[in-house]
Amino acid sequence: METARSDAAMHESVAAIAGCGVSPIVRIAANEGWMVKRALDSGAHGIIVPLLYTAEDAIKLVKSAKFPPVGHRGFGSPFPMEKFSGQTTQEYLQQANNSLLTIVQIETKEALQSVDAIAKVPGIDVLFVGPFDLGNNIGHPILDGVMHDELKEAIAKILQAAKDNGKGSGIYCTSGDQARECADQGFQMVSVAADMIALPAYLTSALASAKGGYAHSALNMAKGAASGVAKMTGPYGR
């Protein structure tokens, strides 16, 4: 799930997703310790963190996400345990460091240059490619759905860094075909569609089908005029 507008919305979303037997992963807005803590304290099974630049940023993130002695995450939230099939407080405390996912987005020029060092940081579990921001940041934005060869090479470099260091790999995709292609390349975590893309596309297509072509619409209007049927007005169209 994308970063929620409020803690209340985040808590509700995490609970709903976990209640369906699916692991809720929260993308926070920035590599800030308090954002990491709030997301994990809501019961998220992992976090996605954007805009890293260096291995030092990755080390900072791990310290925020892990309980001592690995990191300095504070303990005390009463909410996470119920998102793990009713774990006890003690079980959550003992298992969280090894069980929760820490996912970093590689989407800046600096992170691309440091990707091997970032991948070597203990506690980083997945390298996630944000292709649109990555393309923008290396001077090759995705235009009309076309990726520049240098962007493709950058994505391949990130995937290889993940493989070389035993880390998972993920990438943001906008279609089922693209997701299949990336999975075939070796990416393990792929999006299939985003709601803000899929819903408008489907509704636009369905509406176009319902309206029919120009000739079909013109024929129906002519039939209505010939039969003397009054033009409909109001909430159901015209």
C-alpha atoms as a PDB file:
ATOM      1  CA  MET A   1       0.000   0.000   0.000  1.00  0.00           C
ATOM      2  CA  GLU A   2       1.083   3.545  -0.691  1.00  0.00           C
ATOM      3  CA  THR A   3       1.882   5.859   2.210  1.00  0.00           C
ATOM      4  CA  ALA A   4      -1.355   6.695   3.986  1.00  0.00           C
ATOM      5  CA  ARG A   5      -2.474  10.242   4.612  1.00  0.00           C
ATOM      6  CA  SER A   6      -2.830   9.572   8.333  1.00  0.00           C
ATOM      7  CA  ASP A   7      -1.891   6.996  10.922  1.00  0.00           C
ATOM      8  CA  ALA A   8      -5.561   6.055  11.276  1.00  0.00           C
ATOM      9  CA  ALA A   9      -5.915   5.261   7.566  1.00  0.00           C
ATOM     10  CA  MET A  10      -2.667   3.294   7.612  1.00  0.00           C
ATOM     11  CA  HIS A  11      -3.755   1.232  10.623  1.00  0.00           C
ATOM     12  CA  GLU A  12      -7.114   0.460   8.992  1.00  0.00           C
ATOM     13  CA  SER A  13      -5.520  -0.537   5.692  1.00  0.00           C
ATOM     14  CA  VAL A  14      -2.859  -2.731   7.291  1.00  0.00           C
ATOM     15  CA  ALA A  15      -5.492  -4.511   9.398  1.00  0.00           C
ATOM     16  CA  ALA A  16      -7.771  -5.070   6.389  1.00  0.00           C
ATOM     17  CA  ILE A  17      -4.962  -6.455   4.220  1.00  0.00           C
ATOM     18  CA  ALA A  18      -3.603  -8.729   6.944  1.00  0.00           C
ATOM     19  CA  GLY A  19      -7.144  -9.926   7.660  1.00  0.00           C
ATOM     20  CA  CYS A  20      -7.314 -11.254   4.091  1.00  0.00           C
ATOM     21  CA  GLY A  21      -4.231 -13.379   4.639  1.00  0.00           C
ATOM     22  CA  VAL A  22      -2.027 -11.047   2.589  1.00  0.00           C
ATOM     23  CA  SER A  23       1.144  -9.387   3.864  1.00  0.00           C
ATOM     24  CA  PRO A  24       0.693  -5.607   4.097  1.00  0.00           C
ATOM     25  CA  ILE A  25       3.742  -3.709   2.826  1.00  0.00           C
ATOM     26  CA  VAL A  26       3.790   0.038   3.431  1.00  0.00           C
ATOM     27  CA  ARG A  27       5.662   2.466   1.216  1.00  0.00           C
ATOM     28  CA  ILE A  28       6.699   5.397   3.358  1.00  0.00           C
ATOM     29  CA  ALA A  29       7.483   8.842   2.002  1.00  0.00           C
ATOM     30  CA  ALA A  30      11.144   9.136   2.977  1.00  0.00           C
ATOM     31  CA  ASN A  31      13.990   7.475   4.852  1.00  0.00           C
ATOM     32  CA  GLU A  32      12.970   8.942   8.197  1.00  0.00           C
ATOM     33  CA  GLY A  33      13.176   6.909  11.407  1.00  0.00           C
ATOM     34  CA  TRP A  34       9.818   8.065  12.722  1.00  0.00           C
ATOM     35  CA  MET A  35       8.103   7.064   9.466  1.00  0.00           C
ATOM     36  CA  VAL A  36       9.714   3.624   9.607  1.00  0.00           C
ATOM     37  CA  LYS A  37       8.593   3.126  13.212  1.00  0.00           C
ATOM     38  CA  ARG A  38       5.001   4.219  12.614  1.00  0.00           C
ATOM     39  CA  ALA A  39       4.608   1.902   9.627  1.00  0.00           C
ATOM     40  CA  LEU A  40       6.049  -1.131  11.419  1.00  0.00           C
ATOM     41  CA  ASP A  41       4.187  -0.319  14.647  1.00  0.00           C
ATOM     42  CA  SER A  42       0.928  -0.476  12.704  1.00  0.00           C
ATOM     43  CA  GLY A  43       1.667  -4.128  11.978  1.00  0.00           C
ATOM     44  CA  ALA A  44       3.103  -3.837   8.472  1.00  0.00           C
ATOM     45  CA  HIS A  45       5.017  -6.923   7.388  1.00  0.00           C
ATOM     46  CA  GLY A  46       7.543  -4.732   5.648  1.00  0.00           C
ATOM     47  CA  ILE A  47       8.355  -1.280   4.316  1.00  0.00           C
ATOM     48  CA  ILE A  48       9.373   0.147   0.956  1.00  0.00           C
ATOM     49  CA  VAL A  49      11.620   3.177   1.259  1.00  0.00           C
ATOM     50  CA  PRO A  50      12.264   5.575  -1.653  1.00  0.00           C
ATOM     51  CA  LEU A  51      15.048   7.966  -2.514  1.00  0.00           C
ATOM     52  CA  LEU A  52      18.102   6.284  -1.075  1.00  0.00           C
ATOM     53  CA  TYR A  53      21.448   7.568  -2.329  1.00  0.00           C
ATOM     54  CA  THR A  54      24.250   5.718  -0.553  1.00  0.00           C
ATOM     55  CA  ALA A  55      25.088   2.633   1.467  1.00  0.00           C
ATOM     56  CA  GLU A  56      25.124   4.898   4.521  1.00  0.00           C
ATOM     57  CA  ASP A  57      21.465   5.683   3.857  1.00  0.00           C
ATOM     58  CA  ALA A  58      20.757   1.947   3.770  1.00  0.00           C
ATOM     59  CA  ILE A  59      22.583   1.414   7.072  1.00  0.00           C
ATOM     60  CA  LYS A  60      20.548   4.219   8.642  1.00  0.00           C
ATOM     61  CA  LEU A  61      17.343   2.580   7.426  1.00  0.00           C
ATOM     62  CA  VAL A  62      18.233  -0.819   8.850  1.00  0.00           C
ATOM     63  CA  LYS A  63      18.954   0.698  12.243  1.00  0.00           C
ATOM     64  CA  SER A  64      15.534   2.372  12.208  1.00  0.00           C
ATOM     65  CA  ALA A  65      13.768  -0.851  11.209  1.00  0.00           C
ATOM     66  CA  LYS A  66      15.417  -3.306  13.621  1.00  0.00           C
ATOM     67  CA  PHE A  67      15.168  -3.803  17.358  1.00  0.00           C
ATOM     68  CA  PRO A  68      18.375  -3.764  19.454  1.00  0.00           C
ATOM     69  CA  PRO A  69      21.050  -4.953  19.245  1.00  0.00           C
ATOM     70  CA  VAL A  70      20.843  -4.715  15.442  1.00  0.00           C
ATOM     71  CA  GLY A  71      19.131  -1.337  15.407  1.00  0.00           C
ATOM     72  CA  HIS A  72      17.389   1.103  17.705  1.00  0.00           C
ATOM     73  CA  ARG A  73      13.672   0.654  16.959  1.00  0.00           C
ATOM     74  CA  GLY A  74      11.665   1.250  20.099  1.00  0.00           C
ATOM     75  CA  PHE A  75       9.291  -1.443  21.343  1.00  0.00           C
ATOM     76  CA  GLY A  76       5.842  -0.959  22.834  1.00  0.00           C
ATOM     77  CA  SER A  77       3.158  -0.759  20.153  1.00  0.00           C
ATOM     78  CA  PRO A  78       0.199  -3.052  20.946  1.00  0.00           C
ATOM     79  CA  PHE A  79      -0.884  -3.364  17.299  1.00  0.00           C
ATOM     80  CA  PRO A  80       1.589  -5.540  15.319  1.00  0.00           C
ATOM     81  CA  MET A  81       0.968  -8.884  17.013  1.00  0.00           C
ATOM     82  CA  GLU A  82      -2.599  -9.317  15.765  1.00  0.00           C
ATOM     83  CA  LYS A  83      -1.364  -8.913  12.167  1.00  0.00           C
ATOM     84  CA  PHE A  84       0.688 -12.104  12.590  1.00  0.00           C
ATOM     85  CA  SER A  85      -2.046 -14.593  13.518  1.00  0.00           C
ATOM     86  CA  GLY A  86      -2.092 -13.499  17.120  1.00  0.00           C
ATOM     87  CA  GLN A  87       1.568 -13.721  18.049  1.00  0.00           C
ATOM     88  CA  THR A  88       2.444 -12.967  21.618  1.00  0.00           C
ATOM     89  CA  THR A  89       4.391  -9.805  22.367  1.00  0.00           C
ATOM     90  CA  GLN A  90       7.452 -11.901  23.161  1.00  0.00           C
ATOM     91  CA  GLU A  91       7.203 -13.863  19.898  1.00  0.00           C
ATOM     92  CA  TYR A  92       6.950 -10.663  17.856  1.00  0.00           C
ATOM     93  CA  LEU A  93       9.930  -9.113  19.613  1.00  0.00           C
ATOM     94  CA  GLN A  94      12.053 -12.228  19.035  1.00  0.00           C
ATOM     95  CA  GLN A  95      11.086 -12.738  15.382  1.00  0.00           C
ATOM     96  CA  ALA A  96      10.606  -9.243  13.952  1.00  0.00           C
ATOM     97  CA  ASN A  97      14.232  -8.536  13.050  1.00  0.00           C
ATOM     98  CA  ASN A  98      14.427 -11.611  10.843  1.00  0.00           C
ATOM     99  CA  SER A  99      10.846 -11.655   9.559  1.00  0.00           C
ATOM    100  CA  LEU A 100       9.997  -8.097   8.506  1.00  0.00           C
ATOM    101  CA  LEU A 101      11.032  -6.990   5.025  1.00  0.00           C
ATOM    102  CA  THR A 102      13.163  -3.922   4.432  1.00  0.00           C
ATOM    103  CA  ILE A 103      12.849  -2.926   0.781  1.00  0.00           C
ATOM    104  CA  VAL A 104      14.808  -0.058  -0.773  1.00  0.00           C
ATOM    105  CA  GLN A 105      13.952   1.694  -4.008  1.00  0.00           C
ATOM    106  CA  ILE A 106      16.828   2.224  -6.401  1.00  0.00           C
ATOM    107  CA  GLU A 107      15.669   5.230  -8.377  1.00  0.00           C
ATOM    108  CA  THR A 108      18.380   7.881  -8.143  1.00  0.00           C
ATOM    109  CA  LYS A 109      21.600   8.251 -10.118  1.00  0.00           C
ATOM    110  CA  GLU A 110      23.592   8.095  -6.897  1.00  0.00           C
ATOM    111  CA  ALA A 111      21.857   4.902  -5.724  1.00  0.00           C
ATOM    112  CA  LEU A 112      22.531   3.302  -9.105  1.00  0.00           C
ATOM    113  CA  GLN A 113      26.221   4.132  -8.771  1.00  0.00           C
ATOM    114  CA  SER A 114      26.233   2.696  -5.225  1.00  0.00           C
ATOM    115  CA  VAL A 115      23.912  -0.245  -5.871  1.00  0.00           C
ATOM    116  CA  ASP A 116      26.488  -2.949  -5.104  1.00  0.00           C
ATOM    117  CA  ALA A 117      27.401  -1.315  -1.800  1.00  0.00           C
ATOM    118  CA  ILE A 118      23.724  -0.874  -0.910  1.00  0.00           C
ATOM    119  CA  ALA A 119      23.012  -4.509  -1.740  1.00  0.00           C
ATOM    120  CA  LYS A 120      25.813  -5.609   0.594  1.00  0.00           C
ATOM    121  CA  VAL A 121      24.250  -3.918   3.642  1.00  0.00           C
ATOM    122  CA  PRO A 122      23.009  -6.583   6.108  1.00  0.00           C
ATOM    123  CA  GLY A 123      19.319  -6.153   6.800  1.00  0.00           C
ATOM    124  CA  ILE A 124      18.399  -4.894   3.327  1.00  0.00           C
ATOM    125  CA  ASP A 125      16.158  -7.585   1.864  1.00  0.00           C
ATOM    126  CA  VAL A 126      14.994  -6.351  -1.541  1.00  0.00           C
ATOM    127  CA  LEU A 127      16.219  -3.904  -4.192  1.00  0.00           C
ATOM    128  CA  PHE A 128      13.164  -2.384  -5.858  1.00  0.00           C
ATOM    129  CA  VAL A 129      13.431  -0.524  -9.166  1.00  0.00           C
ATOM    130  CA  GLY A 130      11.389   2.614  -9.702  1.00  0.00           C
ATOM    131  CA  PRO A 131      11.879   2.838 -13.490  1.00  0.00           C
ATOM    132  CA  PHE A 132      10.183   6.185 -14.064  1.00  0.00           C
ATOM    133  CA  ASP A 133      12.163   8.117 -11.445  1.00  0.00           C
ATOM    134  CA  LEU A 134      15.318   6.189 -12.308  1.00  0.00           C
ATOM    135  CA  GLY A 135      14.930   7.124 -15.977  1.00  0.00           C
ATOM    136  CA  ASN A 136      14.386  10.770 -15.064  1.00  0.00           C
ATOM    137  CA  ASN A 137      17.397  10.816 -12.757  1.00  0.00           C
ATOM    138  CA  ILE A 138      19.840   9.339 -15.264  1.00  0.00           C
ATOM    139  CA  GLY A 139      18.640  11.620 -18.057  1.00  0.00           C
ATOM    140  CA  HIS A 140      16.555   9.074 -19.956  1.00  0.00           C
ATOM    141  CA  PRO A 141      12.894   9.471 -19.003  1.00  0.00           C
ATOM    142  CA  ILE A 142      10.354   6.940 -20.219  1.00  0.00           C
ATOM    143  CA  LEU A 143       8.487   8.638 -23.070  1.00  0.00           C
ATOM    144  CA  ASP A 144       5.422   7.123 -24.731  1.00  0.00           C
ATOM    145  CA  GLY A 145       6.127   3.901 -22.859  1.00  0.00           C
ATOM    146  CA  VAL A 146       9.577   3.457 -24.446  1.00  0.00           C
ATOM    147  CA  MET A 147      12.661   2.780 -22.332  1.00  0.00           C
ATOM    148  CA  HIS A 148      16.062   4.055 -23.476  1.00  0.00           C
ATOM    149  CA  ASP A 149      18.776   1.407 -23.779  1.00  0.00           C
ATOM    150  CA  GLU A 150      20.780   3.000 -20.959  1.00  0.00           C
ATOM    151  CA  LEU A 151      17.762   2.722 -18.670  1.00  0.00           C
ATOM    152  CA  LYS A 152      17.414  -0.950 -19.571  1.00  0.00           C
ATOM    153  CA  GLU A 153      21.111  -1.421 -18.769  1.00  0.00           C
ATOM    154  CA  ALA A 154      20.645   0.350 -15.428  1.00  0.00           C
ATOM    155  CA  ILE A 155      17.742  -1.932 -14.532  1.00  0.00           C
ATOM    156  CA  ALA A 156      19.793  -4.993 -15.487  1.00  0.00           C
ATOM    157  CA  LYS A 157      22.627  -3.728 -13.266  1.00  0.00           C
ATOM    158  CA  ILE A 158      20.288  -3.462 -10.278  1.00  0.00           C
ATOM    159  CA  LEU A 159      18.908  -6.941 -10.883  1.00  0.00           C
ATOM    160  CA  GLN A 160      22.427  -8.365 -11.084  1.00  0.00           C
ATOM    161  CA  ALA A 161      23.475  -6.601  -7.874  1.00  0.00           C
ATOM    162  CA  ALA A 162      20.538  -8.194  -6.078  1.00  0.00           C
ATOM    163  CA  LYS A 163      21.438 -11.649  -7.411  1.00  0.00           C
ATOM    164  CA  ASP A 164      25.140 -11.278  -6.597  1.00  0.00           C
ATOM    165  CA  ASN A 165      24.396 -10.353  -2.990  1.00  0.00           C
ATOM    166  CA  GLY A 166      21.593 -12.803  -2.272  1.00  0.00           C
ATOM    167  CA  LYS A 167      18.905 -10.112  -2.117  1.00  0.00           C
ATOM    168  CA  GLY A 168      15.420 -10.117  -3.549  1.00  0.00           C
ATOM    169  CA  SER A 169      14.574  -7.933  -6.531  1.00  0.00           C
ATOM    170  CA  GLY A 170      11.448  -6.017  -7.463  1.00  0.00           C
ATOM    171  CA  ILE A 171      10.254  -3.582 -10.102  1.00  0.00           C
ATOM    172  CA  TYR A 172       7.238  -1.369 -10.714  1.00  0.00           C
ATOM    173  CA  CYS A 173       5.278  -2.524 -13.787  1.00  0.00           C
ATOM    174  CA  THR A 174       2.186  -1.048 -15.371  1.00  0.00           C
ATOM    175  CA  SER A 175       0.737  -4.029 -17.225  1.00  0.00           C
ATOM    176  CA  GLY A 176       0.445  -7.782 -17.046  1.00  0.00           C
ATOM    177  CA  ASP A 177       2.619  -8.241 -20.129  1.00  0.00           C
ATOM    178  CA  GLN A 178       5.384  -6.083 -18.677  1.00  0.00           C
ATOM    179  CA  ALA A 179       5.123  -7.891 -15.337  1.00  0.00           C
ATOM    180  CA  ARG A 180       5.510 -11.263 -17.084  1.00  0.00           C
ATOM    181  CA  GLU A 181       8.550 -10.009 -18.986  1.00  0.00           C
ATOM    182  CA  CYS A 182      10.211  -8.748 -15.802  1.00  0.00           C
ATOM    183  CA  ALA A 183       9.421 -11.979 -13.958  1.00  0.00           C
ATOM    184  CA  ASP A 184      11.030 -13.918 -16.793  1.00  0.00           C
ATOM    185  CA  GLN A 185      14.139 -11.755 -16.395  1.00  0.00           C
ATOM    186  CA  GLY A 186      14.375 -12.828 -12.756  1.00  0.00           C
ATOM    187  CA  PHE A 187      12.539 -10.138 -10.805  1.00  0.00           C
ATOM    188  CA  GLN A 188      10.730 -11.707  -7.868  1.00  0.00           C
ATOM    189  CA  MET A 189       8.435  -8.867  -6.810  1.00  0.00           C
ATOM    190  CA  VAL A 190       6.478  -7.201  -9.619  1.00  0.00           C
ATOM    191  CA  SER A 191       3.381  -5.042  -9.705  1.00  0.00           C
ATOM    192  CA  VAL A 192       0.761  -5.967 -12.284  1.00  0.00           C
ATOM    193  CA  ALA A 193      -1.286  -2.779 -12.384  1.00  0.00           C
ATOM    194  CA  ALA A 194      -1.987   0.308 -10.318  1.00  0.00           C
ATOM    195  CA  ASP A 195      -5.575   1.143  -9.439  1.00  0.00           C
ATOM    196  CA  MET A 196      -5.251   4.723 -10.674  1.00  0.00           C
ATOM    197  CA  ILE A 197      -4.172   3.366 -14.069  1.00  0.00           C
ATOM    198  CA  ALA A 198      -6.292   0.224 -14.351  1.00  0.00           C
ATOM    199  CA  LEU A 199      -9.644   1.691 -13.298  1.00  0.00           C
ATOM    200  CA  PRO A 200      -9.677   4.685 -15.692  1.00  0.00           C
ATOM    201  CA  ALA A 201      -8.409   2.493 -18.553  1.00  0.00           C
ATOM    202  CA  TYR A 202     -11.101  -0.121 -18.004  1.00  0.00           C
ATOM    203  CA  LEU A 203     -13.909   2.398 -17.551  1.00  0.00           C
ATOM    204  CA  THR A 204     -12.840   4.352 -20.646  1.00  0.00           C
ATOM    205  CA  SER A 205     -12.829   1.151 -22.694  1.00  0.00           C
ATOM    206  CA  ALA A 206     -16.194   0.004 -21.340  1.00  0.00           C
ATOM    207  CA  LEU A 207     -17.790   3.392 -21.970  1.00  0.00           C
ATOM    208  CA  ALA A 208     -16.448   3.475 -25.534  1.00  0.00           C
ATOM    209  CA  SER A 209     -17.892   0.003 -26.163  1.00  0.00           C
ATOM    210  CA  ALA A 210     -21.251   1.011 -24.722  1.00  0.00           C
ATOM    211  CA  LYS A 211     -21.422   4.121 -26.883  1.00  0.00           C
ATOM    212  CA  GLY A 212     -20.421   2.240 -30.008  1.00  0.00           C
ATOM    213  CA  GLY A 213     -18.749   3.812 -33.008  1.00  0.00           C
ATOM    214  CA  TYR A 214     -19.612   7.162 -34.572  1.00  0.00           C
ATOM    215  CA  ALA A 215     -21.766   5.555 -37.260  1.00  0.00           C
ATOM    216  CA  HIS A 216     -23.665   3.490 -34.671  1.00  0.00           C
ATOM    217  CA  SER A 217     -24.382   6.574 -32.541  1.00  0.00           C
ATOM    218  CA  ALA A 218     -25.462   8.609 -35.557  1.00  0.00           C
ATOM    219  CA  LEU A 219     -27.835   5.837 -36.696  1.00  0.00           C
ATOM    220  CA  ASN A 220     -29.509   5.664 -33.287  1.00  0.00           C
ATOM    221  CA  MET A 221     -29.955   9.444 -33.205  1.00  0.00           C
ATOM    222  CA  ALA A 222     -31.518   9.358 -36.671  1.00  0.00           C
ATOM    223  CA  LYS A 223     -33.919   6.594 -35.635  1.00  0.00           C
ATOM    224  CA  GLY A 224     -34.981   8.578 -32.594  1.00  0.00           C
ATOM    225  CA  ALA A 225     -35.578  11.722 -34.622  1.00  0.00           C
ATOM    226  CA  ALA A 226     -37.566   9.837 -37.275  1.00  0.00           C
ATOM    227  CA  SER A 227     -39.851   8.246 -34.699  1.00  0.00           C
ATOM    228  CA  GLY A 228     -40.471  11.487 -32.916  1.00  0.00           C
ATOM    229  CA  VAL A 229     -38.937  10.266 -29.665  1.00  0.00           C
ATOM    230  CA  ALA A 230     -38.050  13.189 -27.419  1.00  0.00           C
ATOM    231  CA  LYS A 231     -34.392  13.605 -26.541  1.00  0.00           C
ATOM    232  CA  MET A 232     -33.685  12.311 -23.036  1.00  0.00           C
ATOM    233  CA  THR A 233     -32.337  14.726 -20.493  1.00  0.00           C
ATOM    234  CA  GLY A 234     -31.317  14.408 -16.893  1.00  0.00           C
ATOM    235  CA  PRO A 235     -28.934  12.181 -14.966  1.00  0.00           C
ATOM    236  CA  TYR A 236     -29.133   9.251 -17.394  1.00  0.00           C
ATOM    237  CA  GLY A 237     -27.670  10.967 -20.424  1.00  0.00           C
ATOM    238  CA  ARG A 238     -28.850  12.846 -23.433  1.00  0.00           C
END
